[in-house]
């Protein structure tokens, strides 16, 4: 396992709820702000792990298109 993967699995789901809520509410500006904050705190490689394996799987197909 990479360092990013090890760190990503330690991120609490509770820390991701605001991001998922912003996506659900079609509030892309808030999502981008939360994403930037997360990257500043944990790094881009950890963000990629969290986004790809924890956030994307819970989004429906229409919503996931907003995040690209």
PDB file of N, CA and C in Angstrom:
ATOM      1  N   UNK A   1       0.833  -1.176   0.000  1.00  0.00           N
ATOM      2  CA  UNK A   1       0.000   0.000   0.000  1.00  0.00           C
ATOM      3  C   UNK A   1       0.881   1.243   0.000  1.00  0.00           C
ATOM      4  N   UNK A   2       0.441   2.254  -0.758  1.00  0.00           N
ATOM      5  CA  UNK A   2       1.193   3.509  -0.790  1.00  0.00           C
ATOM      6  C   UNK A   2       0.880   4.346   0.454  1.00  0.00           C
ATOM      7  N   UNK A   3       1.705   5.342   0.675  1.00  0.00           N
ATOM      8  CA  UNK A   3       1.481   6.262   1.793  1.00  0.00           C
ATOM      9  C   UNK A   3       0.125   6.966   1.653  1.00  0.00           C
ATOM     10  N   UNK A   4      -0.210   7.367   0.428  1.00  0.00           N
ATOM     11  CA  UNK A   4      -1.491   8.034   0.187  1.00  0.00           C
ATOM     12  C   UNK A   4      -2.660   7.107   0.516  1.00  0.00           C
ATOM     13  N   UNK A   5      -2.564   5.852   0.143  1.00  0.00           N
ATOM     14  CA  UNK A   5      -3.629   4.901   0.430  1.00  0.00           C
ATOM     15  C   UNK A   5      -3.775   4.692   1.928  1.00  0.00           C
ATOM     16  N   UNK A   6      -2.654   4.577   2.626  1.00  0.00           N
ATOM     17  CA  UNK A   6      -2.703   4.393   4.080  1.00  0.00           C
ATOM     18  C   UNK A   6      -3.322   5.603   4.774  1.00  0.00           C
ATOM     19  N   UNK A   7      -2.982   6.781   4.320  1.00  0.00           N
ATOM     20  CA  UNK A   7      -3.562   7.998   4.904  1.00  0.00           C
ATOM     21  C   UNK A   7      -5.040   8.100   4.563  1.00  0.00           C
ATOM     22  N   UNK A   8      -5.402   7.792   3.317  1.00  0.00           N
ATOM     23  CA  UNK A   8      -6.790   7.916   2.871  1.00  0.00           C
ATOM     24  C   UNK A   8      -7.737   7.036   3.671  1.00  0.00           C
ATOM     25  N   UNK A   9      -7.303   5.844   4.017  1.00  0.00           N
ATOM     26  CA  UNK A   9      -8.208   4.964   4.766  1.00  0.00           C
ATOM     27  C   UNK A   9      -8.406   5.424   6.203  1.00  0.00           C
ATOM     28  N   UNK A  10      -7.568   6.342   6.657  1.00  0.00           N
ATOM     29  CA  UNK A  10      -7.707   6.882   8.011  1.00  0.00           C
ATOM     30  C   UNK A  10      -8.613   8.112   8.063  1.00  0.00           C
ATOM     31  N   UNK A  11      -8.994   8.644   6.906  1.00  0.00           N
ATOM     32  CA  UNK A  11      -9.862   9.819   6.857  1.00  0.00           C
ATOM     33  C   UNK A  11     -11.279   9.379   7.230  1.00  0.00           C
ATOM     34  N   UNK A  12     -11.839  10.031   8.214  1.00  0.00           N
ATOM     35  CA  UNK A  12     -13.185   9.694   8.674  1.00  0.00           C
ATOM     36  C   UNK A  12     -14.232  10.044   7.628  1.00  0.00           C
ATOM     37  N   UNK A  13     -15.219   9.191   7.502  1.00  0.00           N
ATOM     38  CA  UNK A  13     -16.339   9.478   6.608  1.00  0.00           C
ATOM     39  C   UNK A  13     -17.029  10.767   7.042  1.00  0.00           C
ATOM     40  N   UNK A  14     -17.042  11.031   8.314  1.00  0.00           N
ATOM     41  CA  UNK A  14     -17.651  12.265   8.812  1.00  0.00           C
ATOM     42  C   UNK A  14     -16.977  13.497   8.215  1.00  0.00           C
ATOM     43  N   UNK A  15     -15.677  13.401   7.920  1.00  0.00           N
ATOM     44  CA  UNK A  15     -14.962  14.520   7.307  1.00  0.00           C
ATOM     45  C   UNK A  15     -15.365  14.736   5.856  1.00  0.00           C
ATOM     46  N   UNK A  16     -16.046  13.774   5.261  1.00  0.00           N
ATOM     47  CA  UNK A  16     -16.429  13.856   3.852  1.00  0.00           C
ATOM     48  C   UNK A  16     -17.889  14.255   3.650  1.00  0.00           C
ATOM     49  N   UNK A  17     -18.663  14.274   4.706  1.00  0.00           N
ATOM     50  CA  UNK A  17     -20.101  14.533   4.599  1.00  0.00           C
ATOM     51  C   UNK A  17     -20.394  15.892   3.973  1.00  0.00           C
ATOM     52  N   UNK A  18     -19.658  16.933   4.363  1.00  0.00           N
ATOM     53  CA  UNK A  18     -19.906  18.258   3.785  1.00  0.00           C
ATOM     54  C   UNK A  18     -19.676  18.256   2.277  1.00  0.00           C
ATOM     55  N   UNK A  19     -18.662  17.519   1.819  1.00  0.00           N
ATOM     56  CA  UNK A  19     -18.396  17.442   0.381  1.00  0.00           C
ATOM     57  C   UNK A  19     -19.534  16.733  -0.346  1.00  0.00           C
ATOM     58  N   UNK A  20     -19.974  15.634   0.207  1.00  0.00           N
ATOM     59  CA  UNK A  20     -21.061  14.872  -0.408  1.00  0.00           C
ATOM     60  C   UNK A  20     -22.344  15.700  -0.405  1.00  0.00           C
ATOM     61  N   UNK A  21     -22.586  16.435   0.669  1.00  0.00           N
ATOM     62  CA  UNK A  21     -23.756  17.295   0.753  1.00  0.00           C
ATOM     63  C   UNK A  21     -23.690  18.409  -0.299  1.00  0.00           C
ATOM     64  N   UNK A  22     -22.527  18.999  -0.479  1.00  0.00           N
ATOM     65  CA  UNK A  22     -22.370  20.052  -1.491  1.00  0.00           C
ATOM     66  C   UNK A  22     -22.673  19.504  -2.882  1.00  0.00           C
ATOM     67  N   UNK A  23     -22.211  18.306  -3.165  1.00  0.00           N
ATOM     68  CA  UNK A  23     -22.489  17.692  -4.468  1.00  0.00           C
ATOM     69  C   UNK A  23     -23.980  17.427  -4.605  1.00  0.00           C
ATOM     70  N   UNK A  24     -24.582  16.878  -3.566  1.00  0.00           N
ATOM     71  CA  UNK A  24     -26.015  16.578  -3.600  1.00  0.00           C
ATOM     72  C   UNK A  24     -26.842  17.831  -3.840  1.00  0.00           C
ATOM     73  N   UNK A  25     -26.379  18.949  -3.284  1.00  0.00           N
ATOM     74  CA  UNK A  25     -27.090  20.221  -3.423  1.00  0.00           C
ATOM     75  C   UNK A  25     -26.690  20.983  -4.682  1.00  0.00           C
ATOM     76  N   UNK A  26     -25.905  20.352  -5.541  1.00  0.00           N
ATOM     77  CA  UNK A  26     -25.408  21.004  -6.763  1.00  0.00           C
ATOM     78  C   UNK A  26     -24.663  22.302  -6.453  1.00  0.00           C
ATOM     79  N   UNK A  27     -23.981  22.332  -5.333  1.00  0.00           N
ATOM     80  CA  UNK A  27     -23.216  23.505  -4.903  1.00  0.00           C
ATOM     81  C   UNK A  27     -21.740  23.268  -5.218  1.00  0.00           C
ATOM     82  N   UNK A  28     -21.421  23.401  -6.497  1.00  0.00           N
ATOM     83  CA  UNK A  28     -20.081  23.082  -6.950  1.00  0.00           C
ATOM     84  C   UNK A  28     -19.040  24.038  -6.359  1.00  0.00           C
ATOM     85  N   UNK A  29     -19.413  25.276  -6.110  1.00  0.00           N
ATOM     86  CA  UNK A  29     -18.474  26.234  -5.512  1.00  0.00           C
ATOM     87  C   UNK A  29     -18.046  25.779  -4.128  1.00  0.00           C
ATOM     88  N   UNK A  30     -19.005  25.356  -3.314  1.00  0.00           N
ATOM     89  CA  UNK A  30     -18.673  24.847  -1.976  1.00  0.00           C
ATOM     90  C   UNK A  30     -17.835  23.584  -2.071  1.00  0.00           C
ATOM     91  N   UNK A  31     -18.197  22.708  -3.019  1.00  0.00           N
ATOM     92  CA  UNK A  31     -17.422  21.482  -3.204  1.00  0.00           C
ATOM     93  C   UNK A  31     -15.970  21.822  -3.530  1.00  0.00           C
ATOM     94  N   UNK A  32     -15.752  22.771  -4.424  1.00  0.00           N
ATOM     95  CA  UNK A  32     -14.389  23.155  -4.790  1.00  0.00           C
ATOM     96  C   UNK A  32     -13.631  23.733  -3.596  1.00  0.00           C
ATOM     97  N   UNK A  33     -14.306  24.537  -2.781  1.00  0.00           N
ATOM     98  CA  UNK A  33     -13.679  25.091  -1.585  1.00  0.00           C
ATOM     99  C   UNK A  33     -13.281  23.986  -0.610  1.00  0.00           C
ATOM    100  N   UNK A  34     -14.188  23.046  -0.405  1.00  0.00           N
ATOM    101  CA  UNK A  34     -13.903  21.919   0.497  1.00  0.00           C
ATOM    102  C   UNK A  34     -12.780  21.050  -0.059  1.00  0.00           C
ATOM    103  N   UNK A  35     -12.795  20.850  -1.360  1.00  0.00           N
ATOM    104  CA  UNK A  35     -11.745  20.070  -2.007  1.00  0.00           C
ATOM    105  C   UNK A  35     -10.383  20.747  -1.825  1.00  0.00           C
ATOM    106  N   UNK A  36     -10.332  22.045  -2.041  1.00  0.00           N
ATOM    107  CA  UNK A  36      -9.079  22.797  -1.877  1.00  0.00           C
ATOM    108  C   UNK A  36      -8.565  22.712  -0.447  1.00  0.00           C
ATOM    109  N   UNK A  37      -9.478  22.842   0.490  1.00  0.00           N
ATOM    110  CA  UNK A  37      -9.105  22.741   1.897  1.00  0.00           C
ATOM    111  C   UNK A  37      -8.547  21.359   2.229  1.00  0.00           C
ATOM    112  N   UNK A  38      -9.212  20.338   1.710  1.00  0.00           N
ATOM    113  CA  UNK A  38      -8.766  18.962   1.944  1.00  0.00           C
ATOM    114  C   UNK A  38      -7.368  18.753   1.367  1.00  0.00           C
ATOM    115  N   UNK A  39      -7.154  19.214   0.135  1.00  0.00           N
ATOM    116  CA  UNK A  39      -5.850  19.057  -0.519  1.00  0.00           C
ATOM    117  C   UNK A  39      -4.774  19.804   0.256  1.00  0.00           C
ATOM    118  N   UNK A  40      -5.094  20.990   0.743  1.00  0.00           N
ATOM    119  CA  UNK A  40      -4.118  21.747   1.537  1.00  0.00           C
ATOM    120  C   UNK A  40      -3.721  21.004   2.804  1.00  0.00           C
ATOM    121  N   UNK A  41      -4.686  20.346   3.395  1.00  0.00           N
ATOM    122  CA  UNK A  41      -4.439  19.651   4.658  1.00  0.00           C
ATOM    123  C   UNK A  41      -3.770  18.292   4.455  1.00  0.00           C
ATOM    124  N   UNK A  42      -4.192  17.538   3.444  1.00  0.00           N
ATOM    125  CA  UNK A  42      -3.748  16.148   3.306  1.00  0.00           C
ATOM    126  C   UNK A  42      -2.891  15.866   2.076  1.00  0.00           C
ATOM    127  N   UNK A  43      -2.940  16.729   1.077  1.00  0.00           N
ATOM    128  CA  UNK A  43      -2.180  16.523  -0.142  1.00  0.00           C
ATOM    129  C   UNK A  43      -3.045  15.988  -1.273  1.00  0.00           C
ATOM    130  N   UNK A  44      -2.591  16.255  -2.486  1.00  0.00           N
ATOM    131  CA  UNK A  44      -3.359  15.874  -3.668  1.00  0.00           C
ATOM    132  C   UNK A  44      -3.442  14.368  -3.856  1.00  0.00           C
ATOM    133  N   UNK A  45      -2.365  13.655  -3.539  1.00  0.00           N
ATOM    134  CA  UNK A  45      -2.384  12.205  -3.718  1.00  0.00           C
ATOM    135  C   UNK A  45      -3.393  11.532  -2.793  1.00  0.00           C
ATOM    136  N   UNK A  46      -3.534  12.046  -1.573  1.00  0.00           N
ATOM    137  CA  UNK A  46      -4.536  11.505  -0.647  1.00  0.00           C
ATOM    138  C   UNK A  46      -5.932  11.866  -1.150  1.00  0.00           C
ATOM    139  N   UNK A  47      -6.110  13.099  -1.653  1.00  0.00           N
ATOM    140  CA  UNK A  47      -7.397  13.502  -2.197  1.00  0.00           C
ATOM    141  C   UNK A  47      -7.826  12.563  -3.317  1.00  0.00           C
ATOM    142  N   UNK A  48      -6.917  12.236  -4.203  1.00  0.00           N
ATOM    143  CA  UNK A  48      -7.253  11.343  -5.315  1.00  0.00           C
ATOM    144  C   UNK A  48      -7.729   9.987  -4.808  1.00  0.00           C
ATOM    145  N   UNK A  49      -7.084   9.472  -3.795  1.00  0.00           N
ATOM    146  CA  UNK A  49      -7.500   8.192  -3.211  1.00  0.00           C
ATOM    147  C   UNK A  49      -8.891   8.299  -2.581  1.00  0.00           C
ATOM    148  N   UNK A  50      -9.102   9.342  -1.797  1.00  0.00           N
ATOM    149  CA  UNK A  50     -10.387   9.527  -1.114  1.00  0.00           C
ATOM    150  C   UNK A  50     -11.499   9.752  -2.132  1.00  0.00           C
ATOM    151  N   UNK A  51     -11.253  10.620  -3.093  1.00  0.00           N
ATOM    152  CA  UNK A  51     -12.277  10.937  -4.073  1.00  0.00           C
ATOM    153  C   UNK A  51     -12.639   9.712  -4.911  1.00  0.00           C
ATOM    154  N   UNK A  52     -11.641   9.049  -5.447  1.00  0.00           N
ATOM    155  CA  UNK A  52     -11.893   7.914  -6.342  1.00  0.00           C
ATOM    156  C   UNK A  52     -12.501   6.707  -5.649  1.00  0.00           C
ATOM    157  N   UNK A  53     -12.131   6.474  -4.398  1.00  0.00           N
ATOM    158  CA  UNK A  53     -12.554   5.236  -3.743  1.00  0.00           C
ATOM    159  C   UNK A  53     -13.549   5.414  -2.604  1.00  0.00           C
ATOM    160  N   UNK A  54     -13.839   6.676  -2.202  1.00  0.00           N
ATOM    161  CA  UNK A  54     -14.807   6.869  -1.124  1.00  0.00           C
ATOM    162  C   UNK A  54     -15.947   7.793  -1.514  1.00  0.00           C
ATOM    163  N   UNK A  55     -15.666   8.798  -2.337  1.00  0.00           N
ATOM    164  CA  UNK A  55     -16.725   9.733  -2.713  1.00  0.00           C
ATOM    165  C   UNK A  55     -17.417   9.297  -4.000  1.00  0.00           C
ATOM    166  N   UNK A  56     -16.659   9.064  -5.044  1.00  0.00           N
ATOM    167  CA  UNK A  56     -17.255   8.694  -6.344  1.00  0.00           C
ATOM    168  C   UNK A  56     -18.204   7.491  -6.249  1.00  0.00           C
ATOM    169  N   UNK A  57     -17.867   6.453  -5.505  1.00  0.00           N
ATOM    170  CA  UNK A  57     -18.779   5.304  -5.454  1.00  0.00           C
ATOM    171  C   UNK A  57     -20.160   5.605  -4.875  1.00  0.00           C
ATOM    172  N   UNK A  58     -20.296   6.675  -4.079  1.00  0.00           N
ATOM    173  CA  UNK A  58     -21.604   6.966  -3.486  1.00  0.00           C
ATOM    174  C   UNK A  58     -22.422   7.950  -4.305  1.00  0.00           C
ATOM    175  N   UNK A  59     -21.845   8.475  -5.378  1.00  0.00           N
ATOM    176  CA  UNK A  59     -22.560   9.432  -6.208  1.00  0.00           C
ATOM    177  C   UNK A  59     -23.302   8.718  -7.327  1.00  0.00           C
ATOM    178  N   UNK A  60     -24.463   9.246  -7.669  1.00  0.00           N
ATOM    179  CA  UNK A  60     -25.161   8.687  -8.825  1.00  0.00           C
ATOM    180  C   UNK A  60     -24.477   9.181 -10.094  1.00  0.00           C
ATOM    181  N   UNK A  61     -24.806   8.607 -11.219  1.00  0.00           N
ATOM    182  CA  UNK A  61     -24.114   8.911 -12.466  1.00  0.00           C
ATOM    183  C   UNK A  61     -24.256  10.373 -12.868  1.00  0.00           C
ATOM    184  N   UNK A  62     -25.438  10.954 -12.728  1.00  0.00           N
ATOM    185  CA  UNK A  62     -25.641  12.363 -13.070  1.00  0.00           C
ATOM    186  C   UNK A  62     -24.821  13.286 -12.187  1.00  0.00           C
ATOM    187  N   UNK A  63     -24.793  12.990 -10.906  1.00  0.00           N
ATOM    188  CA  UNK A  63     -24.068  13.826  -9.962  1.00  0.00           C
ATOM    189  C   UNK A  63     -22.563  13.705 -10.143  1.00  0.00           C
ATOM    190  N   UNK A  64     -22.070  12.516 -10.414  1.00  0.00           N
ATOM    191  CA  UNK A  64     -20.631  12.339 -10.539  1.00  0.00           C
ATOM    192  C   UNK A  64     -20.069  13.161 -11.690  1.00  0.00           C
ATOM    193  N   UNK A  65     -20.868  13.455 -12.690  1.00  0.00           N
ATOM    194  CA  UNK A  65     -20.418  14.274 -13.807  1.00  0.00           C
ATOM    195  C   UNK A  65     -20.137  15.708 -13.409  1.00  0.00           C
ATOM    196  N   UNK A  66     -20.749  16.179 -12.340  1.00  0.00           N
ATOM    197  CA  UNK A  66     -20.520  17.541 -11.862  1.00  0.00           C
ATOM    198  C   UNK A  66     -19.138  17.714 -11.259  1.00  0.00           C
ATOM    199  N   UNK A  67     -18.533  16.622 -10.838  1.00  0.00           N
ATOM    200  CA  UNK A  67     -17.268  16.686 -10.096  1.00  0.00           C
ATOM    201  C   UNK A  67     -16.048  16.577 -10.985  1.00  0.00           C
ATOM    202  N   UNK A  68     -16.226  16.546 -12.279  1.00  0.00           N
ATOM    203  CA  UNK A  68     -15.049  16.432 -13.161  1.00  0.00           C
ATOM    204  C   UNK A  68     -14.727  17.740 -13.795  1.00  0.00           C
TER     205      UNK A  68
END
